[in-house]
Structure formats: structure tokens, C-alpha cells
């Protein structure tokens, strides 16, 4: 049995509570309708024109029924995730998130219409949505955030039983060295077109409708710009990926789960675009089509990512795997091509070459380097 499934059964209460959170929007729609039904006009406003005036209505019964059904059906994936123990932990978590987001959207949409029409006798006098639009976005993100947060941390995967084949690259490690490779990826040039187009669309919507209507597009545009870069770190603990300017969110592939690293060609078309990608049995960090590395992981998984020096990084990973059972030693900092400069500290008496091919001497910032016993 997969240990992720075993952990899911052992803490089944977390999945049940997460599914209940995903169902709360349905209860909210029904409860608020019962509370406000004497204060709501029939029909309700359902559409606003570019001039900010209501130009379409729907019956009260039809609106609340549609929103309740949307919230209830939307939460069904969450219950599938809670009950389907045979699915992997990550798939179940995605189902929880999808169900909670769908329910949150339905509840937010109902709340928008209901609050705008509350205590009105003529639905055509309802004001246009303003703060309700970003509130709808908050509902779509807050409900899944709470539901997924209740699941806790993902269970640890099995350690990789195999070791790198002899014909795979190696990076020689001297005595007392445990290197750290860092590489920074700027936003792909082609990708920057996406936030630029979205910003233009947001500007048009703000001018034609209002800034509130443009706010969802603006949020997506800013998000695309902020999270379009990444920082890659390889050390004795594994592979670490930090997205965006703030280095968040972060993902880690533990070294214990890595069986081998090999040079490969990364394809945008194979992974469906730029950025952090996921599919059954595999994940990837893709910034361009070109040279990269494929990590063979335990449980028939893989992780693929770009790097400017795949032979060297693959060799480093394979060497770290073979040295994983040794004592913890001082860290030697490499500088990835195009990355930020890093100091080098080596207790083994050997300088390690950086991306420019020149040896780097220890600097004052070594004081922050952790040293083992």
C-alpha cells in the first residue's frame, strides 16, 4: 500500500473536515436565503451593462436554486478526495481544493447578487458590483486555502531503492565537501507578453466599466509577473525550488527520493507551457525548451527542470546520492550560471570552480555557512 494512502487512512478525520469545509458554501447559500428571503426582490438582478445599470433579471427561486446546485455539485470533488483512499495524497488534495474553490465561487456569486438587491423593491435599481468583485475572489481562494490547510503536510515518500548507473555523469567531491548549486531563472521573454496583455485588458475594463470589474484581471496580471521567476538550489538535502521575487511558494524534492539524475531535453510542448508543471507521475520546472535534467524518483515518478549546465548539475546530484550516507560536512557554495554570486568554503583544502571557470576564495560572508561536526 502507498504510504500516502496509509497516512490518509490514519488521519481520515482531516479529509472529512476538509470536505465539510468545502460543503460550507452550500450551507451558506441555503442559510442566507432563508434569512433574507423576505428582504429580497423577486426577480433578482442577474446582469449589469457597461453603463453600470441592471439589464437582466432572474427569478429569486431560480437564482438561489442555481447557486445552491452549483455549490453542492462543485463540492463533490472534495468528497471524492476525502473518500477515495486509493488515490495518491496529492491527487486527493487537488480534489479538495477544486471542490472548495467551486463552492466558494458559488457562495461568493450568490452573496454579490443578494447584498446588492437587499431591501430593494425594484431589481433594476440595484447598484453595480464594486467591492463585491474582489470579495468574490477572496471567497474562491479562502475556502480552498482553509480546506487544504487542514490536511497538514504531505506524507513522506518512500526512499529510492536504486542508485545512479555507472554511465551517468558524476562531479568529483573532495574530502570534507558538500557542494551547494544555486541558479536563478529570470522570466522567459515570451511569457512576459501574458501579463502585458492582461494589464492592457484591465486598463480597458477599468475605463469602460470600473476598476472593480478590472480587479480580477489585474490580480492575475500582477501574479503572472511576480511569480514568473524561480531560484533553483541543489544541496545534500535535495532539490529546492523557490518561485517569485519573494521565494514563495517553495517546493522540495528530497535527495532520499532521487534514484538518479540524467541529462535530457526539456520541451515546452511536452509539459504544456512555462513554469511549475505537474501531471500524473511527473513534475517539472520549465522556463524554455532546451537542455535540462530528469530526476528519476521513487514510486515511478520523475522531476524535470531546466539548467544551463546540465552535465555538471546531474553529476552533482548523482555524487550527492552516493555520498548521502556519509557524515554531514561543511557546505561548499557553487554559483550557477547566470545566478547570484556565492562564496565558497571548503574544509577539504580545495577551491571549487564557479560558473566562470575561476576558483572562488572564501569571503567574509562565510560566517553564515553551516558547518558540521
Protein backbone atom coordinates (compact mmCIF):
# COMPACT_ATOMS: atom_id res chain seq x y z
CA UNK A 1 0.00 0.00 0.00
CA UNK A 2 1.24 3.52 -0.79
CA UNK A 3 2.30 5.26 2.40
CA UNK A 4 0.44 8.37 1.29
CA UNK A 5 -2.76 6.35 1.22
CA UNK A 6 -1.91 4.78 4.59
CA UNK A 7 -1.39 8.24 6.06
CA UNK A 8 -4.70 9.34 4.54
CA UNK A 9 -6.49 6.48 6.28
CA UNK A 10 -4.68 7.00 9.54
CA UNK A 11 -5.77 10.67 9.64
CA UNK A 12 -9.07 10.28 7.83
CA UNK A 13 -10.62 12.87 10.12
CA UNK A 14 -8.58 15.56 8.35
CA UNK A 15 -10.07 14.60 5.00
CA UNK A 16 -13.59 14.56 6.40
CA UNK A 17 -13.20 18.01 7.94
CA UNK A 18 -11.68 19.39 4.72
CA UNK A 19 -14.64 18.02 2.73
CA UNK A 20 -17.05 19.57 5.24
CA UNK A 21 -15.31 22.93 4.79
CA UNK A 22 -15.78 22.56 1.03
CA UNK A 23 -19.51 22.00 1.71
CA UNK A 24 -19.94 25.08 3.88
CA UNK A 25 -20.65 27.37 0.88
CA UNK A 26 -23.74 25.26 0.07
CA UNK A 27 -24.99 25.65 3.64
CA UNK A 28 -24.24 29.37 3.47
CA UNK A 29 -26.33 29.83 0.32
CA UNK A 30 -29.31 27.99 1.84
CA UNK A 31 -28.99 29.64 5.25
CA UNK A 32 -28.62 33.19 3.93
CA UNK A 33 -31.57 32.70 1.59
CA UNK A 34 -33.79 31.60 4.48
CA UNK A 35 -32.58 34.58 6.49
CA UNK A 36 -33.02 37.18 3.73
CA UNK A 37 -35.87 35.87 1.60
CA UNK A 38 -38.34 38.46 2.96
CA UNK A 39 -35.88 41.25 2.17
CA UNK A 40 -35.06 40.25 -1.40
CA UNK A 41 -36.99 41.31 -4.51
CA UNK A 42 -38.32 38.78 -6.96
CA UNK A 43 -36.81 38.69 -9.57
CA UNK A 44 -33.18 39.40 -8.68
CA UNK A 45 -30.72 41.35 -10.83
CA UNK A 46 -28.53 38.97 -12.83
CA UNK A 47 -26.64 41.16 -15.29
CA UNK A 48 -25.28 44.69 -15.46
CA UNK A 49 -24.46 46.58 -18.63
CA UNK A 50 -21.36 48.64 -19.39
CA UNK A 51 -23.19 51.71 -18.09
CA UNK A 52 -23.49 50.11 -14.65
CA UNK A 53 -27.24 49.61 -14.85
CA UNK A 54 -29.12 46.33 -14.47
CA UNK A 55 -30.19 44.98 -17.87
CA UNK A 56 -31.20 41.44 -16.92
CA UNK A 57 -33.02 39.63 -14.10
CA UNK A 58 -33.71 36.07 -12.90
CA UNK A 59 -36.36 34.80 -10.52
CA UNK A 60 -35.41 34.57 -6.85
CA UNK A 61 -36.16 30.84 -6.78
CA UNK A 62 -34.18 30.24 -9.97
CA UNK A 63 -31.16 32.21 -8.68
CA UNK A 64 -30.93 30.56 -5.28
CA UNK A 65 -31.51 27.12 -6.79
CA UNK A 66 -28.77 27.64 -9.37
CA UNK A 67 -26.30 28.89 -6.74
CA UNK A 68 -27.13 26.07 -4.31
CA UNK A 69 -26.77 23.42 -7.01
CA UNK A 70 -23.51 24.98 -8.18
CA UNK A 71 -22.13 24.97 -4.63
CA UNK A 72 -23.30 21.42 -3.94
CA UNK A 73 -22.12 19.90 -7.22
CA UNK A 74 -18.93 21.92 -7.01
CA UNK A 75 -18.10 20.39 -3.62
CA UNK A 76 -18.45 16.81 -4.91
CA UNK A 77 -14.78 16.53 -5.97
CA UNK A 78 -13.84 17.30 -2.36
CA UNK A 79 -15.88 14.34 -1.15
CA UNK A 80 -14.29 12.14 -3.79
CA UNK A 81 -10.92 13.22 -2.44
CA UNK A 82 -11.98 12.51 1.13
CA UNK A 83 -13.33 9.02 0.38
CA UNK A 84 -11.07 7.74 -2.41
CA UNK A 85 -8.28 6.23 -0.31
CA UNK A 86 -6.69 4.51 -3.30
CA UNK A 87 -5.81 7.83 -4.92
CA UNK A 88 -2.47 9.43 -4.14
CA UNK A 89 -2.28 12.06 -1.44
CA UNK A 90 -1.54 14.85 -3.92
CA UNK A 91 -4.46 13.94 -6.19
CA UNK A 92 -6.82 13.88 -3.22
CA UNK A 93 -5.53 17.28 -2.11
CA UNK A 94 -6.19 18.73 -5.58
CA UNK A 95 -9.75 17.36 -5.47
CA UNK A 96 -10.29 19.00 -2.09
CA UNK A 97 -9.00 22.32 -3.44
CA UNK A 98 -11.11 22.16 -6.62
CA UNK A 99 -14.28 21.31 -4.72
CA UNK A 100 -13.72 24.05 -2.14
CA UNK A 101 -12.94 26.66 -4.83
CA UNK A 102 -16.08 25.79 -6.81
CA UNK A 103 -18.21 26.04 -3.69
CA UNK A 104 -16.56 29.31 -2.69
CA UNK A 105 -17.24 30.79 -6.12
CA UNK A 106 -20.94 29.86 -5.97
CA UNK A 107 -21.32 31.30 -2.48
CA UNK A 108 -19.46 34.47 -3.44
CA UNK A 109 -21.61 34.95 -6.53
CA UNK A 110 -24.80 34.50 -4.51
CA UNK A 111 -23.55 36.92 -1.86
CA UNK A 112 -22.77 39.52 -4.53
CA UNK A 113 -26.25 39.43 -6.04
CA UNK A 114 -28.07 39.16 -2.72
CA UNK A 115 -26.29 42.04 -0.98
CA UNK A 116 -26.77 44.36 -3.96
CA UNK A 117 -30.53 43.65 -4.07
CA UNK A 118 -31.15 43.50 -0.31
CA UNK A 119 -34.18 45.62 0.79
CA UNK A 120 -34.93 46.75 -2.78
CA UNK A 121 -38.39 46.51 -4.34
CA UNK A 122 -37.18 47.17 -7.89
CA UNK A 123 -34.27 44.95 -9.00
CA UNK A 124 -33.37 47.41 -11.75
CA UNK A 125 -32.32 49.92 -9.10
CA UNK A 126 -29.57 47.66 -7.76
CA UNK A 127 -26.15 49.35 -7.87
CA UNK A 128 -23.36 47.86 -9.92
CA UNK A 129 -20.91 45.50 -8.16
CA UNK A 130 -17.84 47.18 -6.69
CA UNK A 131 -16.07 45.68 -3.66
CA UNK A 132 -18.14 42.53 -4.13
CA UNK A 133 -15.94 41.50 -7.09
CA UNK A 134 -12.65 41.24 -5.14
CA UNK A 135 -14.66 39.72 -2.28
CA UNK A 136 -15.70 37.00 -4.73
CA UNK A 137 -12.01 36.32 -5.43
CA UNK A 138 -11.32 36.12 -1.71
CA UNK A 139 -14.10 33.55 -1.29
CA UNK A 140 -12.68 31.47 -4.14
CA UNK A 141 -9.24 31.38 -2.51
CA UNK A 142 -10.03 31.46 1.21
CA UNK A 143 -12.28 28.38 1.26
CA UNK A 144 -9.78 26.07 -0.53
CA UNK A 145 -6.90 27.55 1.48
CA UNK A 146 -8.61 26.59 4.74
CA UNK A 147 -9.66 23.17 3.44
CA UNK A 148 -6.19 22.28 2.13
CA UNK A 149 -4.52 23.73 5.22
CA UNK A 150 -6.47 21.32 7.41
CA UNK A 151 -4.82 18.38 5.64
CA UNK A 152 -1.44 19.20 7.10
CA UNK A 153 1.86 18.33 5.47
CA UNK A 154 2.12 15.69 2.80
CA UNK A 155 3.37 12.30 4.00
CA UNK A 156 6.94 11.37 3.18
CA UNK A 157 7.53 9.27 0.10
CA UNK A 158 9.48 6.03 0.01
CA UNK A 159 13.22 6.38 -0.37
CA UNK A 160 14.59 5.49 -3.79
CA UNK A 161 15.88 1.89 -3.70
CA UNK A 162 18.25 2.31 -6.67
CA UNK A 163 21.44 4.30 -7.16
CA UNK A 164 22.79 6.08 -10.28
CA UNK A 165 24.05 3.85 -13.08
CA UNK A 166 27.84 3.89 -13.64
CA UNK A 167 27.50 5.57 -17.06
CA UNK A 168 25.68 8.62 -15.65
CA UNK A 169 27.72 11.79 -15.01
CA UNK A 170 29.48 12.44 -11.71
CA UNK A 171 31.01 15.55 -10.14
CA UNK A 172 34.08 14.65 -8.08
CA UNK A 173 33.72 15.67 -4.44
CA UNK A 174 36.79 16.13 -2.31
CA UNK A 175 37.05 15.14 1.31
CA UNK A 176 35.05 17.44 3.53
CA UNK A 177 32.93 18.91 0.73
CA UNK A 178 29.18 19.02 0.31
CA UNK A 179 28.52 21.48 -2.52
CA UNK A 180 25.52 23.71 -2.99
CA UNK A 181 24.48 24.72 -6.51
CA UNK A 182 22.31 27.80 -6.97
CA UNK A 183 20.84 29.03 -10.21
CA UNK A 184 18.35 31.83 -10.87
CA UNK A 185 15.88 31.82 -13.75
CA UNK A 186 14.55 35.22 -14.95
CA UNK A 187 11.09 35.38 -16.52
CA UNK A 188 11.02 33.97 -20.06
CA UNK A 189 10.72 36.73 -22.66
CA UNK A 190 7.72 35.15 -24.32
CA UNK A 191 5.94 34.73 -21.00
CA UNK A 192 6.12 38.47 -20.24
CA UNK A 193 3.68 39.04 -23.10
CA UNK A 194 0.95 37.42 -20.98
CA UNK A 195 0.95 39.91 -18.06
CA UNK A 196 1.40 42.78 -20.52
CA UNK A 197 -1.75 41.77 -22.43
CA UNK A 198 -3.66 41.25 -19.18
CA UNK A 199 -2.65 44.70 -17.92
CA UNK A 200 -3.91 46.18 -21.17
CA UNK A 201 -7.21 44.34 -20.82
CA UNK A 202 -7.51 45.52 -17.20
CA UNK A 203 -6.93 49.13 -18.28
CA UNK A 204 -9.68 48.86 -20.91
CA UNK A 205 -12.12 47.30 -18.44
CA UNK A 206 -11.35 49.98 -15.85
CA UNK A 207 -12.02 52.72 -18.40
CA UNK A 208 -15.17 51.18 -19.90
CA UNK A 209 -16.72 49.63 -16.77
CA UNK A 210 -14.93 50.39 -13.48
CA UNK A 211 -11.79 49.49 -11.59
CA UNK A 212 -13.63 46.86 -9.56
CA UNK A 213 -14.59 44.96 -12.68
CA UNK A 214 -10.98 45.09 -13.81
CA UNK A 215 -9.58 43.91 -10.47
CA UNK A 216 -9.66 40.13 -11.19
CA UNK A 217 -7.72 40.60 -14.44
CA UNK A 218 -5.33 42.96 -12.67
CA UNK A 219 -4.67 40.41 -9.91
CA UNK A 220 -3.91 37.69 -12.46
CA UNK A 221 -1.59 40.01 -14.41
CA UNK A 222 0.36 41.04 -11.32
CA UNK A 223 0.53 37.41 -10.16
CA UNK A 224 1.96 36.32 -13.52
CA UNK A 225 4.64 38.98 -13.27
CA UNK A 226 5.58 38.30 -9.65
CA UNK A 227 5.82 34.52 -9.93
CA UNK A 228 7.46 34.30 -13.36
CA UNK A 229 10.98 33.83 -11.98
CA UNK A 230 12.45 30.99 -9.94
CA UNK A 231 15.51 30.08 -7.90
CA UNK A 232 16.93 26.55 -8.01
CA UNK A 233 19.10 25.11 -5.23
CA UNK A 234 20.73 21.67 -5.12
CA UNK A 235 22.36 20.56 -1.87
CA UNK A 236 22.80 17.47 0.29
CA UNK A 237 19.12 17.61 1.26
CA UNK A 238 17.78 17.59 -2.28
CA UNK A 239 16.40 19.94 -4.91
CA UNK A 240 14.71 23.15 -3.73
CA UNK A 241 12.63 25.46 -5.91
CA UNK A 242 11.58 28.93 -4.80
CA UNK A 243 9.18 30.79 -7.10
CA UNK A 244 8.74 34.52 -7.47
CA UNK A 245 10.57 37.54 -6.14
CA UNK A 246 9.93 36.55 -2.51
CA UNK A 247 10.96 32.93 -2.93
CA UNK A 248 7.46 31.67 -2.22
CA UNK A 249 5.87 29.23 -2.74
CA UNK A 250 8.65 26.69 -2.27
CA UNK A 251 8.92 23.07 -3.36
CA UNK A 252 11.45 20.44 -2.34
CA UNK A 253 12.43 17.09 -3.84
CA UNK A 254 14.26 15.25 -1.02
CA UNK A 255 17.53 13.65 -2.06
CA UNK A 256 16.42 10.38 -0.46
CA UNK A 257 13.67 10.09 -3.10
CA UNK A 258 16.08 10.56 -6.04
CA UNK A 259 17.42 7.40 -7.70
CA UNK A 260 19.43 9.10 -10.46
CA UNK A 261 19.90 12.28 -12.49
CA UNK A 262 20.43 12.31 -16.25
CA UNK A 263 20.77 14.96 -18.94
CA UNK A 264 17.67 15.43 -21.07
CA UNK A 265 15.95 17.86 -23.43
CA UNK A 266 13.11 19.84 -21.86
CA UNK A 267 10.17 20.65 -24.13
CA UNK A 268 7.58 23.38 -23.54
CA UNK A 269 5.10 21.44 -25.65
CA UNK A 270 5.60 18.22 -23.70
CA UNK A 271 4.81 19.95 -20.41
CA UNK A 272 2.20 22.36 -21.70
CA UNK A 273 3.86 25.70 -21.08
CA UNK A 274 6.17 27.63 -18.77
CA UNK A 275 6.61 27.49 -15.03
CA UNK A 276 5.94 24.81 -12.44
CA UNK A 277 4.10 22.00 -14.21
CA UNK A 278 2.51 18.81 -12.92
CA UNK A 279 1.00 15.71 -14.47
CA UNK A 280 0.38 12.15 -13.23
CA UNK A 281 3.73 10.67 -12.25
CA UNK A 282 5.76 13.76 -13.00
CA UNK A 283 6.50 17.39 -12.21
CA UNK A 284 8.68 19.95 -13.96
CA UNK A 285 10.12 23.44 -13.72
CA UNK A 286 10.10 24.67 -17.32
CA UNK A 287 11.39 28.03 -18.49
CA UNK A 288 12.36 27.19 -22.05
CA UNK A 289 12.82 24.32 -24.45
CA UNK A 290 16.38 23.15 -24.23
CA UNK A 291 18.90 21.31 -22.06
CA UNK A 292 17.84 20.13 -18.65
CA UNK A 293 17.85 17.28 -16.16
CA UNK A 294 15.47 14.43 -15.46
CA UNK A 295 15.43 13.10 -11.90
CA UNK A 296 14.19 9.54 -11.57
CA UNK A 297 12.29 9.39 -8.28
CA UNK A 298 10.88 6.64 -6.14
CA UNK A 299 7.38 5.28 -6.80
CA UNK A 300 7.79 5.62 -10.58
CA UNK A 301 7.89 9.41 -10.56
CA UNK A 302 10.10 11.94 -12.28
CA UNK A 303 11.07 15.59 -11.95
CA UNK A 304 12.37 17.58 -14.93
CA UNK A 305 13.91 21.03 -14.85
CA UNK A 306 15.99 23.40 -16.95
CA UNK A 307 19.57 24.26 -16.11
CA UNK A 308 22.33 25.99 -18.04
CA UNK A 309 24.90 23.33 -17.11
CA UNK A 310 23.02 20.01 -17.10
CA UNK A 311 26.11 17.76 -17.20
CA UNK A 312 27.58 19.38 -14.13
CA UNK A 313 24.38 19.57 -12.12
CA UNK A 314 23.39 15.99 -12.97
CA UNK A 315 26.85 14.89 -11.89
CA UNK A 316 26.50 16.81 -8.65
CA UNK A 317 23.15 15.17 -7.86
CA UNK A 318 24.47 11.68 -8.61
CA UNK A 319 27.54 12.27 -6.47
CA UNK A 320 25.43 13.60 -3.61
CA UNK A 321 23.26 10.48 -3.79
CA UNK A 322 26.33 8.27 -3.46
CA UNK A 323 27.64 10.33 -0.54
CA UNK A 324 24.27 10.59 1.18
CA UNK A 325 25.20 8.09 3.89
CA UNK A 326 28.35 9.96 4.94
CA UNK A 327 28.73 12.33 7.86
CA UNK A 328 27.43 15.87 7.47
CA UNK A 329 30.23 18.13 6.26
CA UNK A 330 30.80 21.86 5.63
CA UNK A 331 28.97 23.30 2.65
CA UNK A 332 30.77 24.44 -0.50
CA UNK A 333 28.79 27.06 -2.37
CA UNK A 334 28.79 26.99 -6.19
CA UNK A 335 27.44 29.75 -8.34
CA UNK A 336 25.05 28.64 -11.07
CA UNK A 337 25.46 30.23 -14.50
CA UNK A 338 23.55 33.47 -14.53
CA UNK A 339 22.88 33.14 -10.83
CA UNK A 340 23.87 35.34 -7.93
CA UNK A 341 27.49 35.09 -6.76
CA UNK A 342 28.06 32.73 -3.85
CA UNK A 343 31.06 32.42 -1.57
CA UNK A 344 32.93 29.16 -1.36
CA UNK A 345 34.00 27.49 1.88
CA UNK A 346 35.89 24.23 1.82
CA UNK A 347 37.39 22.44 4.77
CA UNK A 348 38.92 19.93 2.36
CA UNK A 349 41.55 22.41 1.15
CA UNK A 350 40.25 22.51 -2.47
CA UNK A 351 38.72 25.50 -4.21
CA UNK A 352 35.59 24.78 -6.26
CA UNK A 353 35.23 26.49 -9.63
CA UNK A 354 32.27 28.75 -10.23
CA UNK A 355 30.36 29.31 -13.47
CA UNK A 356 33.15 31.47 -14.88
CA UNK A 357 35.65 28.62 -14.53
CA UNK A 358 37.74 30.52 -11.96
CA UNK A 359 38.36 29.40 -8.40
CA UNK A 360 36.45 31.38 -5.78
CA UNK A 361 38.17 32.14 -2.50
CA UNK A 362 36.35 32.22 0.84
CA UNK A 363 34.82 35.58 1.63
CA UNK A 364 33.57 37.38 4.75
CA UNK A 365 30.05 36.03 4.31
CA UNK A 366 31.29 32.53 5.15
CA UNK A 367 30.22 33.17 8.69
CA UNK A 368 26.71 32.21 7.65
CA UNK A 369 27.78 28.84 6.26
CA UNK A 370 26.70 25.93 8.43
CA UNK A 371 29.48 23.57 9.44
CA UNK A 372 29.04 20.02 10.54
CA UNK A 373 30.80 18.12 13.22
